[in-house]
Amino acid sequence: MKYYTLEAIVQGRPVKLKRSMFASRTEAINYMFDYYEEHYLYNLQVNDEYSVNDNKHSIEYYCNFNNRFIITRN
């Protein structure tokens, strides 16, 4: 069974998320945007995305305002 894990950097600092495992990549992305809005970070946009260490299952999403998150399929 596939699942996705989530790690996040918010305003340049790593954060511990209440939830870190998801059934889909889309679910994890939506969770992050909800998290950012909950913490008053509006107008957040994904500027770019990269594979982490050439692993096609681990993608880092770079956002504006020094925020980013990594979603990895396990």
Protein backbone atom coordinates (compact mmCIF):
# COMPACT_ATOMS: atom_id res chain seq x y z
CA MET A 1 0.00 0.00 0.00
CA LYS A 2 1.32 3.43 -0.95
CA TYR A 3 1.28 6.36 1.41
CA TYR A 4 2.87 9.81 1.37
CA THR A 5 4.85 11.55 4.08
CA LEU A 6 5.14 15.29 4.54
CA GLU A 7 7.90 17.50 5.94
CA ALA A 8 7.69 21.30 6.06
CA ILE A 9 9.76 24.44 6.50
CA VAL A 10 7.65 27.47 7.51
CA GLN A 11 9.26 30.89 7.34
CA GLY A 12 12.70 29.28 7.30
CA ARG A 13 12.17 26.96 10.28
CA PRO A 14 11.31 23.24 10.33
CA VAL A 15 7.90 22.55 11.86
CA LYS A 16 6.36 19.48 13.42
CA LEU A 17 3.01 18.78 11.79
CA LYS A 18 0.05 17.17 13.56
CA ARG A 19 -0.43 14.91 10.58
CA SER A 20 2.41 13.58 8.43
CA MET A 21 0.99 10.58 6.50
CA PHE A 22 -1.48 10.86 3.62
CA ALA A 23 -3.22 8.60 1.12
CA SER A 24 -2.33 10.83 -1.87
CA ARG A 25 0.08 13.57 -2.88
CA THR A 26 -2.86 15.92 -3.53
CA GLU A 27 -4.17 15.37 -0.01
CA ALA A 28 -0.74 16.29 1.40
CA ILE A 29 -0.50 19.44 -0.73
CA ASN A 30 -3.98 20.55 0.31
CA TYR A 31 -3.09 19.93 3.97
CA MET A 32 -0.02 22.18 3.63
CA PHE A 33 -1.97 25.04 2.09
CA ASP A 34 -4.59 24.74 4.84
CA TYR A 35 -1.75 24.76 7.40
CA TYR A 36 -0.25 27.91 5.87
CA GLU A 37 -3.62 29.69 5.89
CA GLU A 38 -4.24 28.60 9.49
CA HIS A 39 -0.94 30.28 10.40
CA TYR A 40 -1.78 33.54 8.59
CA LEU A 41 0.37 32.94 5.49
CA TYR A 42 -1.95 34.05 2.72
CA ASN A 43 -1.06 34.45 -0.96
CA LEU A 44 1.31 31.52 -0.78
CA GLN A 45 2.31 30.17 -4.19
CA VAL A 46 4.45 27.25 -5.28
CA ASN A 47 7.28 28.75 -7.32
CA ASP A 48 9.08 25.56 -8.29
CA GLU A 49 9.33 21.86 -7.55
CA TYR A 50 12.34 19.56 -7.60
CA SER A 51 13.08 15.88 -7.15
CA VAL A 52 15.07 15.32 -3.99
CA ASN A 53 18.33 13.43 -4.63
CA ASP A 54 17.07 12.32 -8.08
CA ASN A 55 14.29 10.34 -6.42
CA LYS A 56 11.14 10.67 -8.53
CA HIS A 57 9.00 9.76 -5.50
CA SER A 58 10.31 12.58 -3.29
CA ILE A 59 9.42 16.10 -4.44
CA GLU A 60 10.32 19.38 -2.75
CA TYR A 61 7.95 22.28 -3.39
CA TYR A 62 9.51 25.74 -3.10
CA CYS A 63 7.07 28.50 -2.18
CA ASN A 64 7.36 32.23 -1.70
CA PHE A 65 8.08 33.80 1.72
CA ASN A 66 10.87 31.28 2.53
CA ASN A 67 8.48 28.31 2.82
CA ARG A 68 8.84 24.84 1.36
CA PHE A 69 7.63 21.31 1.90
CA ILE A 70 8.68 17.81 0.83
CA ILE A 71 6.27 15.02 -0.06
CA THR A 72 7.68 11.51 -0.37
CA ARG A 73 5.90 8.37 -1.58
CA ASN A 74 6.69 5.33 0.54
